[in-house]
Amino acid sequence: MKDVLVIVGAGHIGRAIARRVGAGRHVLLASLTQEAAAEAAEVLADAGFEVSAAAVDVSSRASLQALVEMAQHLGPVTGVVHAAGVSPSQAAPEAILRVDLYGTALVLALFGEVIAPGGAGVVISSQSGHRLPALTPAQDRALATTPVEALLQLDMLQPAQVADPLHAYQLSKRGNALRVMAEAVRWGQRGARLNAISPGIVITPLARDELQGPRGAGYRRMIELSPVGRAGTPDEVAQVAALLMGPDGAFITGSDFLMDGGVTAAYHFGALHPLHATHIPHAIHPKDPP
């Protein structure tokens, strides 16, 4: 049996990472619908990869457990990439928290029970988590360690506290980074590593539409006033993922890598600071539906 690389989220970042680290492995590509997964799998298969496709809803324990069992049937799971989620423009706060926060915690918990020794995982988070003001130590620990099925019951996540989609998204992404840190300890007991990547604006068909949409001016300003002065590409995110999942990243675990072209730096210390900016939108990067 070949080693198995599981890609949860068949969007452009997930596929780019599969191309970087999937050679010689059986790639299990999962998306919300079988049709979307099969379409992405066909592209990889045409490029010479061995691929299976599956439907998964990361907000459903039963659906995700079925994916874990399918992966185990194919072979030892040595790689997990979680790149699925929804953005503030796609869903209400409750749905964002269920998919982006609870769903991520569930992916890490279930695959953390089967990841093979020497394996590695990467969660695609967002620069938005880095712009949320500091939480209390108790809140940080709650997001990181609360049992998965109790996570959405936290007082800090109730509708009265989280009424705005962007706030829900930022909380989810901060929670992702904290959860990765905590789960890295548990994954380490199996001889595996786990990290997160927090991209900024990454150009995909969705991002191009957003750049021409109602929020387009704010996004373009974010790009123009960043130190790098441009958006990123899925392949650049995949390069970082390949480092984190490969032998050159063997000493890296429990970390969150911000790669946003310096947007967050400009937000805190440059021209994008709230004193100078009237609107700083959330990040754009390819998010698969749950």
C-alpha atoms as a PDB file:
ATOM      1  CA  MET A   1       0.000   0.000   0.000  1.00  0.00           C
ATOM      2  CA  LYS A   2       1.140   3.532  -0.742  1.00  0.00           C
ATOM      3  CA  ASP A   3       1.186   6.254   1.880  1.00  0.00           C
ATOM      4  CA  VAL A   4      -1.950   8.395   1.800  1.00  0.00           C
ATOM      5  CA  LEU A   5      -2.135  12.175   1.540  1.00  0.00           C
ATOM      6  CA  VAL A   6      -5.562  13.538   2.484  1.00  0.00           C
ATOM      7  CA  ILE A   7      -6.549  16.914   1.040  1.00  0.00           C
ATOM      8  CA  VAL A   8      -9.699  18.270   2.700  1.00  0.00           C
ATOM      9  CA  GLY A   9     -10.781  21.046   0.347  1.00  0.00           C
ATOM     10  CA  ALA A  10     -10.341  20.695  -3.410  1.00  0.00           C
ATOM     11  CA  GLY A  11      -9.768  24.399  -4.056  1.00  0.00           C
ATOM     12  CA  HIS A  12      -6.692  25.914  -5.638  1.00  0.00           C
ATOM     13  CA  ILE A  13      -4.512  25.863  -2.523  1.00  0.00           C
ATOM     14  CA  GLY A  14      -5.382  22.249  -1.732  1.00  0.00           C
ATOM     15  CA  ARG A  15      -4.604  21.171  -5.286  1.00  0.00           C
ATOM     16  CA  ALA A  16      -1.369  23.162  -5.360  1.00  0.00           C
ATOM     17  CA  ILE A  17      -0.189  21.436  -2.179  1.00  0.00           C
ATOM     18  CA  ALA A  18      -1.168  18.052  -3.592  1.00  0.00           C
ATOM     19  CA  ARG A  19       1.031  18.722  -6.611  1.00  0.00           C
ATOM     20  CA  ARG A  20       3.935  19.606  -4.341  1.00  0.00           C
ATOM     21  CA  VAL A  21       3.787  16.734  -1.889  1.00  0.00           C
ATOM     22  CA  GLY A  22       1.559  14.082  -3.495  1.00  0.00           C
ATOM     23  CA  ALA A  23       4.015  12.361  -5.817  1.00  0.00           C
ATOM     24  CA  GLY A  24       4.401   8.690  -4.895  1.00  0.00           C
ATOM     25  CA  ARG A  25       1.428   8.850  -2.539  1.00  0.00           C
ATOM     26  CA  HIS A  26      -2.216   8.013  -2.962  1.00  0.00           C
ATOM     27  CA  VAL A  27      -3.971  11.385  -2.838  1.00  0.00           C
ATOM     28  CA  LEU A  28      -7.443  11.351  -1.290  1.00  0.00           C
ATOM     29  CA  LEU A  29      -9.097  14.565  -2.419  1.00  0.00           C
ATOM     30  CA  ALA A  30     -12.269  15.570  -0.556  1.00  0.00           C
ATOM     31  CA  SER A  31     -14.767  18.354  -1.145  1.00  0.00           C
ATOM     32  CA  LEU A  32     -18.317  19.167  -0.085  1.00  0.00           C
ATOM     33  CA  THR A  33     -19.743  17.403  -3.137  1.00  0.00           C
ATOM     34  CA  GLN A  34     -18.604  14.294  -4.946  1.00  0.00           C
ATOM     35  CA  GLU A  35     -18.785  16.210  -8.221  1.00  0.00           C
ATOM     36  CA  ALA A  36     -16.370  18.931  -7.075  1.00  0.00           C
ATOM     37  CA  ALA A  37     -13.959  16.366  -5.652  1.00  0.00           C
ATOM     38  CA  ALA A  38     -14.090  14.238  -8.802  1.00  0.00           C
ATOM     39  CA  GLU A  39     -13.475  17.234 -11.052  1.00  0.00           C
ATOM     40  CA  ALA A  40     -10.379  18.256  -9.080  1.00  0.00           C
ATOM     41  CA  ALA A  41      -9.197  14.643  -8.865  1.00  0.00           C
ATOM     42  CA  GLU A  42      -9.391  14.275 -12.636  1.00  0.00           C
ATOM     43  CA  VAL A  43      -7.027  17.225 -13.082  1.00  0.00           C
ATOM     44  CA  LEU A  44      -4.480  15.620 -10.761  1.00  0.00           C
ATOM     45  CA  ALA A  45      -4.934  12.197 -12.339  1.00  0.00           C
ATOM     46  CA  ASP A  46      -4.232  13.692 -15.766  1.00  0.00           C
ATOM     47  CA  ALA A  47      -0.974  15.024 -14.310  1.00  0.00           C
ATOM     48  CA  GLY A  48       0.101  11.530 -13.219  1.00  0.00           C
ATOM     49  CA  PHE A  49      -1.057  11.379  -9.617  1.00  0.00           C
ATOM     50  CA  GLU A  50      -2.902   8.440  -8.090  1.00  0.00           C
ATOM     51  CA  VAL A  51      -6.098  10.020  -6.782  1.00  0.00           C
ATOM     52  CA  SER A  52      -9.381   9.084  -5.146  1.00  0.00           C
ATOM     53  CA  ALA A  53     -12.267  11.502  -4.645  1.00  0.00           C
ATOM     54  CA  ALA A  54     -14.723  11.768  -1.775  1.00  0.00           C
ATOM     55  CA  ALA A  55     -17.483  14.025  -0.507  1.00  0.00           C
ATOM     56  CA  VAL A  56     -17.146  15.374   3.027  1.00  0.00           C
ATOM     57  CA  ASP A  57     -18.865  17.888   5.274  1.00  0.00           C
ATOM     58  CA  VAL A  58     -16.326  18.918   7.912  1.00  0.00           C
ATOM     59  CA  SER A  59     -19.095  20.187  10.175  1.00  0.00           C
ATOM     60  CA  SER A  60     -20.459  16.613  10.434  1.00  0.00           C
ATOM     61  CA  ARG A  61     -18.645  14.107  12.643  1.00  0.00           C
ATOM     62  CA  ALA A  62     -20.221  11.168  10.796  1.00  0.00           C
ATOM     63  CA  SER A  63     -19.175  12.522   7.396  1.00  0.00           C
ATOM     64  CA  LEU A  64     -15.635  13.220   8.520  1.00  0.00           C
ATOM     65  CA  GLN A  65     -15.316   9.856  10.267  1.00  0.00           C
ATOM     66  CA  ALA A  66     -16.271   8.169   6.990  1.00  0.00           C
ATOM     67  CA  LEU A  67     -13.456  10.060   5.256  1.00  0.00           C
ATOM     68  CA  VAL A  68     -10.970   8.949   7.918  1.00  0.00           C
ATOM     69  CA  GLU A  69     -12.023   5.331   7.439  1.00  0.00           C
ATOM     70  CA  MET A  70     -11.720   5.628   3.660  1.00  0.00           C
ATOM     71  CA  ALA A  71      -8.211   7.044   4.036  1.00  0.00           C
ATOM     72  CA  GLN A  72      -7.171   4.213   6.354  1.00  0.00           C
ATOM     73  CA  HIS A  73      -8.509   1.664   3.880  1.00  0.00           C
ATOM     74  CA  LEU A  74      -6.259   3.126   1.181  1.00  0.00           C
ATOM     75  CA  GLY A  75      -3.097   2.942   3.280  1.00  0.00           C
ATOM     76  CA  PRO A  76      -1.170   4.599   6.121  1.00  0.00           C
ATOM     77  CA  VAL A  77      -2.112   8.267   6.448  1.00  0.00           C
ATOM     78  CA  THR A  78       1.142  10.248   6.382  1.00  0.00           C
ATOM     79  CA  GLY A  79      -0.188  13.643   5.294  1.00  0.00           C
ATOM     80  CA  VAL A  80      -3.292  15.730   6.054  1.00  0.00           C
ATOM     81  CA  VAL A  81      -4.052  19.138   4.544  1.00  0.00           C
ATOM     82  CA  HIS A  82      -7.142  20.972   5.751  1.00  0.00           C
ATOM     83  CA  ALA A  83      -8.037  23.742   3.281  1.00  0.00           C
ATOM     84  CA  ALA A  84     -11.842  23.814   3.462  1.00  0.00           C
ATOM     85  CA  GLY A  85     -13.962  26.550   4.952  1.00  0.00           C
ATOM     86  CA  VAL A  86     -16.263  29.509   4.385  1.00  0.00           C
ATOM     87  CA  SER A  87     -15.588  33.248   4.426  1.00  0.00           C
ATOM     88  CA  PRO A  88     -17.514  36.191   5.913  1.00  0.00           C
ATOM     89  CA  SER A  89     -19.045  36.954   2.531  1.00  0.00           C
ATOM     90  CA  GLN A  90     -20.327  33.384   2.197  1.00  0.00           C
ATOM     91  CA  ALA A  91     -22.071  32.625   5.487  1.00  0.00           C
ATOM     92  CA  ALA A  92     -23.611  33.858   8.725  1.00  0.00           C
ATOM     93  CA  PRO A  93     -21.625  33.870  11.993  1.00  0.00           C
ATOM     94  CA  GLU A  94     -23.103  30.586  13.244  1.00  0.00           C
ATOM     95  CA  ALA A  95     -22.185  28.750  10.037  1.00  0.00           C
ATOM     96  CA  ILE A  96     -18.673  30.226  10.001  1.00  0.00           C
ATOM     97  CA  LEU A  97     -18.031  29.078  13.554  1.00  0.00           C
ATOM     98  CA  ARG A  98     -19.406  25.613  12.829  1.00  0.00           C
ATOM     99  CA  VAL A  99     -17.376  25.095   9.663  1.00  0.00           C
ATOM    100  CA  ASP A 100     -14.175  27.064  10.225  1.00  0.00           C
ATOM    101  CA  LEU A 101     -13.756  26.582  13.983  1.00  0.00           C
ATOM    102  CA  TYR A 102     -15.577  23.382  14.944  1.00  0.00           C
ATOM    103  CA  GLY A 103     -14.840  21.724  11.597  1.00  0.00           C
ATOM    104  CA  THR A 104     -11.120  22.380  11.885  1.00  0.00           C
ATOM    105  CA  ALA A 105     -11.007  21.092  15.449  1.00  0.00           C
ATOM    106  CA  LEU A 106     -12.849  17.953  14.322  1.00  0.00           C
ATOM    107  CA  VAL A 107     -10.464  17.341  11.409  1.00  0.00           C
ATOM    108  CA  LEU A 108      -7.465  17.599  13.731  1.00  0.00           C
ATOM    109  CA  ALA A 109      -9.036  15.402  16.396  1.00  0.00           C
ATOM    110  CA  LEU A 110     -10.115  12.564  14.100  1.00  0.00           C
ATOM    111  CA  PHE A 111      -7.047  12.488  11.870  1.00  0.00           C
ATOM    112  CA  GLY A 112      -4.886  12.923  14.950  1.00  0.00           C
ATOM    113  CA  GLU A 113      -6.066   9.475  16.001  1.00  0.00           C
ATOM    114  CA  VAL A 114      -4.776   7.808  12.815  1.00  0.00           C
ATOM    115  CA  ILE A 115      -1.845   9.892  11.544  1.00  0.00           C
ATOM    116  CA  ALA A 116       1.141   7.615  10.980  1.00  0.00           C
ATOM    117  CA  PRO A 117       4.539   8.064  12.642  1.00  0.00           C
ATOM    118  CA  GLY A 118       6.591  10.492  10.597  1.00  0.00           C
ATOM    119  CA  GLY A 119       3.426  12.070   9.208  1.00  0.00           C
ATOM    120  CA  ALA A 120       2.594  15.767   9.033  1.00  0.00           C
ATOM    121  CA  GLY A 121      -0.440  17.987   8.749  1.00  0.00           C
ATOM    122  CA  VAL A 122      -1.102  21.562   7.631  1.00  0.00           C
ATOM    123  CA  VAL A 123      -4.149  23.727   8.307  1.00  0.00           C
ATOM    124  CA  ILE A 124      -4.821  26.620   5.932  1.00  0.00           C
ATOM    125  CA  SER A 125      -5.994  29.425   8.185  1.00  0.00           C
ATOM    126  CA  SER A 126      -6.009  33.178   7.414  1.00  0.00           C
ATOM    127  CA  GLN A 127      -4.284  36.463   8.081  1.00  0.00           C
ATOM    128  CA  SER A 128      -7.578  37.585   9.663  1.00  0.00           C
ATOM    129  CA  GLY A 129      -6.750  35.697  12.831  1.00  0.00           C
ATOM    130  CA  HIS A 130      -3.721  37.949  13.271  1.00  0.00           C
ATOM    131  CA  ARG A 131      -5.811  41.124  13.265  1.00  0.00           C
ATOM    132  CA  LEU A 132      -8.165  40.059  16.046  1.00  0.00           C
ATOM    133  CA  PRO A 133      -7.288  41.932  19.274  1.00  0.00           C
ATOM    134  CA  ALA A 134      -5.661  39.883  22.006  1.00  0.00           C
ATOM    135  CA  LEU A 135      -7.895  37.502  23.920  1.00  0.00           C
ATOM    136  CA  THR A 136      -7.477  36.619  27.578  1.00  0.00           C
ATOM    137  CA  PRO A 137      -5.277  33.640  28.477  1.00  0.00           C
ATOM    138  CA  ALA A 138      -8.417  31.788  29.582  1.00  0.00           C
ATOM    139  CA  GLN A 139     -10.092  32.431  26.225  1.00  0.00           C
ATOM    140  CA  ASP A 140      -6.983  31.296  24.343  1.00  0.00           C
ATOM    141  CA  ARG A 141      -6.875  28.076  26.323  1.00  0.00           C
ATOM    142  CA  ALA A 142     -10.597  27.482  25.828  1.00  0.00           C
ATOM    143  CA  LEU A 143     -10.304  27.796  22.042  1.00  0.00           C
ATOM    144  CA  ALA A 144      -7.255  25.530  22.042  1.00  0.00           C
ATOM    145  CA  THR A 145      -8.320  22.746  24.368  1.00  0.00           C
ATOM    146  CA  THR A 146     -12.100  22.620  24.868  1.00  0.00           C
ATOM    147  CA  PRO A 147     -13.376  19.169  23.782  1.00  0.00           C
ATOM    148  CA  VAL A 148     -14.605  19.376  20.203  1.00  0.00           C
ATOM    149  CA  GLU A 149     -18.269  18.727  20.917  1.00  0.00           C
ATOM    150  CA  ALA A 150     -18.338  21.404  23.615  1.00  0.00           C
ATOM    151  CA  LEU A 151     -16.434  24.013  21.610  1.00  0.00           C
ATOM    152  CA  LEU A 152     -19.430  25.871  20.170  1.00  0.00           C
ATOM    153  CA  GLN A 153     -21.029  26.036  23.611  1.00  0.00           C
ATOM    154  CA  LEU A 154     -18.370  28.430  24.909  1.00  0.00           C
ATOM    155  CA  ASP A 155     -19.889  31.670  26.230  1.00  0.00           C
ATOM    156  CA  MET A 156     -17.524  33.728  24.063  1.00  0.00           C
ATOM    157  CA  LEU A 157     -18.974  32.153  20.903  1.00  0.00           C
ATOM    158  CA  GLN A 158     -22.673  32.715  21.572  1.00  0.00           C
ATOM    159  CA  PRO A 159     -24.760  34.926  19.224  1.00  0.00           C
ATOM    160  CA  ALA A 160     -24.885  37.782  21.707  1.00  0.00           C
ATOM    161  CA  GLN A 161     -21.078  37.875  21.659  1.00  0.00           C
ATOM    162  CA  VAL A 162     -20.492  37.125  17.964  1.00  0.00           C
ATOM    163  CA  ALA A 163     -23.033  38.889  15.768  1.00  0.00           C
ATOM    164  CA  ASP A 164     -20.786  39.892  12.848  1.00  0.00           C
ATOM    165  CA  PRO A 165     -19.507  37.427  10.188  1.00  0.00           C
ATOM    166  CA  LEU A 166     -16.040  38.997  10.138  1.00  0.00           C
ATOM    167  CA  HIS A 167     -15.762  38.689  13.926  1.00  0.00           C
ATOM    168  CA  ALA A 168     -16.776  35.032  13.676  1.00  0.00           C
ATOM    169  CA  TYR A 169     -14.176  34.495  10.954  1.00  0.00           C
ATOM    170  CA  GLN A 170     -11.395  36.186  12.913  1.00  0.00           C
ATOM    171  CA  LEU A 171     -12.248  34.210  16.040  1.00  0.00           C
ATOM    172  CA  SER A 172     -12.272  30.996  14.023  1.00  0.00           C
ATOM    173  CA  LYS A 173      -8.886  31.697  12.488  1.00  0.00           C
ATOM    174  CA  ARG A 174      -7.348  32.673  15.823  1.00  0.00           C
ATOM    175  CA  GLY A 175      -8.871  29.477  17.194  1.00  0.00           C
ATOM    176  CA  ASN A 176      -7.338  27.459  14.352  1.00  0.00           C
ATOM    177  CA  ALA A 177      -3.827  28.625  15.223  1.00  0.00           C
ATOM    178  CA  LEU A 178      -4.360  27.913  18.917  1.00  0.00           C
ATOM    179  CA  ARG A 179      -5.889  24.518  18.186  1.00  0.00           C
ATOM    180  CA  VAL A 180      -2.953  23.588  15.967  1.00  0.00           C
ATOM    181  CA  MET A 181      -0.574  24.442  18.789  1.00  0.00           C
ATOM    182  CA  ALA A 182      -2.460  22.270  21.283  1.00  0.00           C
ATOM    183  CA  GLU A 183      -3.052  19.381  18.858  1.00  0.00           C
ATOM    184  CA  ALA A 184       0.629  19.390  17.845  1.00  0.00           C
ATOM    185  CA  VAL A 185       1.377  18.079  21.331  1.00  0.00           C
ATOM    186  CA  ARG A 186      -1.023  15.168  20.834  1.00  0.00           C
ATOM    187  CA  TRP A 187       0.140  14.486  17.273  1.00  0.00           C
ATOM    188  CA  GLY A 188       3.698  14.468  18.591  1.00  0.00           C
ATOM    189  CA  GLN A 189       2.844  11.490  20.781  1.00  0.00           C
ATOM    190  CA  ARG A 190       2.276   9.580  17.534  1.00  0.00           C
ATOM    191  CA  GLY A 191       5.528  10.867  16.033  1.00  0.00           C
ATOM    192  CA  ALA A 192       3.754  13.321  13.725  1.00  0.00           C
ATOM    193  CA  ARG A 193       3.888  17.083  13.249  1.00  0.00           C
ATOM    194  CA  LEU A 194       1.202  19.737  12.724  1.00  0.00           C
ATOM    195  CA  ASN A 195       1.360  23.383  11.639  1.00  0.00           C
ATOM    196  CA  ALA A 196      -0.826  26.154  10.232  1.00  0.00           C
ATOM    197  CA  ILE A 197      -0.386  28.623   7.381  1.00  0.00           C
ATOM    198  CA  SER A 198      -2.227  31.955   7.453  1.00  0.00           C
ATOM    199  CA  PRO A 199      -2.349  33.369   3.912  1.00  0.00           C
ATOM    200  CA  GLY A 200      -3.440  36.825   2.935  1.00  0.00           C
ATOM    201  CA  ILE A 201      -4.936  37.668  -0.448  1.00  0.00           C
ATOM    202  CA  VAL A 202      -4.219  34.760  -2.783  1.00  0.00           C
ATOM    203  CA  ILE A 203      -5.344  35.034  -6.393  1.00  0.00           C
ATOM    204  CA  THR A 204      -7.926  32.463  -7.465  1.00  0.00           C
ATOM    205  CA  PRO A 205     -11.108  32.768  -9.564  1.00  0.00           C
ATOM    206  CA  LEU A 206     -13.016  33.616  -6.365  1.00  0.00           C
ATOM    207  CA  ALA A 207     -10.475  36.265  -5.390  1.00  0.00           C
ATOM    208  CA  ARG A 208     -10.567  37.817  -8.845  1.00  0.00           C
ATOM    209  CA  ASP A 209     -14.330  38.095  -8.599  1.00  0.00           C
ATOM    210  CA  GLU A 210     -14.049  39.678  -5.155  1.00  0.00           C
ATOM    211  CA  LEU A 211     -11.476  42.179  -6.424  1.00  0.00           C
ATOM    212  CA  GLN A 212     -13.997  43.347  -9.001  1.00  0.00           C
ATOM    213  CA  GLY A 213     -16.936  43.246  -6.575  1.00  0.00           C
ATOM    214  CA  PRO A 214     -18.373  45.661  -3.983  1.00  0.00           C
ATOM    215  CA  ARG A 215     -15.395  45.233  -1.626  1.00  0.00           C
ATOM    216  CA  GLY A 216     -12.891  45.404  -4.470  1.00  0.00           C
ATOM    217  CA  ALA A 217     -11.548  48.872  -3.704  1.00  0.00           C
ATOM    218  CA  GLY A 218     -10.703  47.862  -0.140  1.00  0.00           C
ATOM    219  CA  TYR A 219      -8.945  44.698  -1.276  1.00  0.00           C
ATOM    220  CA  ARG A 220      -6.958  46.535  -3.931  1.00  0.00           C
ATOM    221  CA  ARG A 221      -5.912  49.123  -1.365  1.00  0.00           C
ATOM    222  CA  MET A 222      -4.794  46.342   0.956  1.00  0.00           C
ATOM    223  CA  ILE A 223      -2.582  44.937  -1.797  1.00  0.00           C
ATOM    224  CA  GLU A 224      -1.214  48.284  -2.962  1.00  0.00           C
ATOM    225  CA  LEU A 225      -0.243  49.462   0.522  1.00  0.00           C
ATOM    226  CA  SER A 226       1.334  46.194   1.641  1.00  0.00           C
ATOM    227  CA  PRO A 227       5.147  45.994   1.737  1.00  0.00           C
ATOM    228  CA  VAL A 228       5.233  43.429  -1.077  1.00  0.00           C
ATOM    229  CA  GLY A 229       2.690  45.330  -3.163  1.00  0.00           C
ATOM    230  CA  ARG A 230       0.987  42.332  -4.747  1.00  0.00           C
ATOM    231  CA  ALA A 231      -1.247  39.374  -3.972  1.00  0.00           C
ATOM    232  CA  GLY A 232       0.002  35.824  -3.508  1.00  0.00           C
ATOM    233  CA  THR A 233      -0.492  32.656  -5.523  1.00  0.00           C
ATOM    234  CA  PRO A 234      -1.612  29.158  -4.491  1.00  0.00           C
ATOM    235  CA  ASP A 235       1.802  27.800  -5.507  1.00  0.00           C
ATOM    236  CA  GLU A 236       3.534  30.119  -3.046  1.00  0.00           C
ATOM    237  CA  VAL A 237       1.359  28.783  -0.235  1.00  0.00           C
ATOM    238  CA  ALA A 238       2.122  25.261  -1.437  1.00  0.00           C
ATOM    239  CA  GLN A 239       5.863  25.949  -1.217  1.00  0.00           C
ATOM    240  CA  VAL A 240       5.531  26.734   2.478  1.00  0.00           C
ATOM    241  CA  ALA A 241       3.323  23.681   2.990  1.00  0.00           C
ATOM    242  CA  ALA A 242       5.928  21.487   1.293  1.00  0.00           C
ATOM    243  CA  LEU A 243       8.564  22.790   3.693  1.00  0.00           C
ATOM    244  CA  LEU A 244       6.364  22.138   6.712  1.00  0.00           C
ATOM    245  CA  MET A 245       5.357  18.651   5.582  1.00  0.00           C
ATOM    246  CA  GLY A 246       8.775  17.543   4.338  1.00  0.00           C
ATOM    247  CA  PRO A 247      12.100  16.572   5.920  1.00  0.00           C
ATOM    248  CA  ASP A 248      13.411  20.150   5.853  1.00  0.00           C
ATOM    249  CA  GLY A 249      10.625  21.059   8.289  1.00  0.00           C
ATOM    250  CA  ALA A 250      11.294  18.219  10.699  1.00  0.00           C
ATOM    251  CA  PHE A 251      11.961  20.599  13.615  1.00  0.00           C
ATOM    252  CA  ILE A 252       8.801  22.668  13.043  1.00  0.00           C
ATOM    253  CA  THR A 253       5.533  21.819  14.757  1.00  0.00           C
ATOM    254  CA  GLY A 254       2.783  23.701  16.572  1.00  0.00           C
ATOM    255  CA  SER A 255       3.477  26.869  14.586  1.00  0.00           C
ATOM    256  CA  ASP A 256       1.380  29.288  12.528  1.00  0.00           C
ATOM    257  CA  PHE A 257       3.071  30.854   9.498  1.00  0.00           C
ATOM    258  CA  LEU A 258       1.689  34.242   8.447  1.00  0.00           C
ATOM    259  CA  MET A 259       2.260  34.843   4.723  1.00  0.00           C
ATOM    260  CA  ASP A 260       0.316  37.898   3.621  1.00  0.00           C
ATOM    261  CA  GLY A 261       2.821  40.077   1.784  1.00  0.00           C
ATOM    262  CA  GLY A 262       3.157  42.216   4.877  1.00  0.00           C
ATOM    263  CA  VAL A 263      -0.513  43.281   5.026  1.00  0.00           C
ATOM    264  CA  THR A 264      -0.720  42.607   8.757  1.00  0.00           C
ATOM    265  CA  ALA A 265       2.527  44.516   9.334  1.00  0.00           C
ATOM    266  CA  ALA A 266       1.088  47.472   7.418  1.00  0.00           C
ATOM    267  CA  TYR A 267      -2.143  47.182   9.407  1.00  0.00           C
ATOM    268  CA  HIS A 268      -0.299  47.471  12.714  1.00  0.00           C
ATOM    269  CA  PHE A 269       2.558  49.795  11.775  1.00  0.00           C
ATOM    270  CA  GLY A 270       1.999  51.224   8.300  1.00  0.00           C
ATOM    271  CA  ALA A 271      -0.422  52.864   5.914  1.00  0.00           C
ATOM    272  CA  LEU A 272      -3.144  50.297   6.593  1.00  0.00           C
ATOM    273  CA  HIS A 273      -3.351  51.206  10.277  1.00  0.00           C
ATOM    274  CA  PRO A 274      -6.978  51.967  11.276  1.00  0.00           C
ATOM    275  CA  LEU A 275      -6.024  55.608  11.869  1.00  0.00           C
ATOM    276  CA  HIS A 276      -5.293  55.856   8.141  1.00  0.00           C
ATOM    277  CA  ALA A 277      -7.722  53.277   6.700  1.00  0.00           C
ATOM    278  CA  THR A 278     -11.488  53.413   6.569  1.00  0.00           C
ATOM    279  CA  HIS A 279     -12.011  49.757   5.639  1.00  0.00           C
ATOM    280  CA  ILE A 280      -9.761  46.716   5.909  1.00  0.00           C
ATOM    281  CA  PRO A 281     -11.563  43.661   4.529  1.00  0.00           C
ATOM    282  CA  HIS A 282     -10.883  40.087   5.474  1.00  0.00           C
ATOM    283  CA  ALA A 283      -8.426  37.969   3.543  1.00  0.00           C
ATOM    284  CA  ILE A 284      -9.269  36.414   0.204  1.00  0.00           C
ATOM    285  CA  HIS A 285      -7.992  32.962  -0.441  1.00  0.00           C
ATOM    286  CA  PRO A 286      -9.571  29.857  -1.978  1.00  0.00           C
ATOM    287  CA  LYS A 287     -12.006  28.300   0.440  1.00  0.00           C
ATOM    288  CA  ASP A 288     -13.920  25.226  -0.419  1.00  0.00           C
ATOM    289  CA  PRO A 289     -17.421  24.889   0.980  1.00  0.00           C
ATOM    290  CA  PRO A 290     -17.560  22.756   4.118  1.00  0.00           C
END
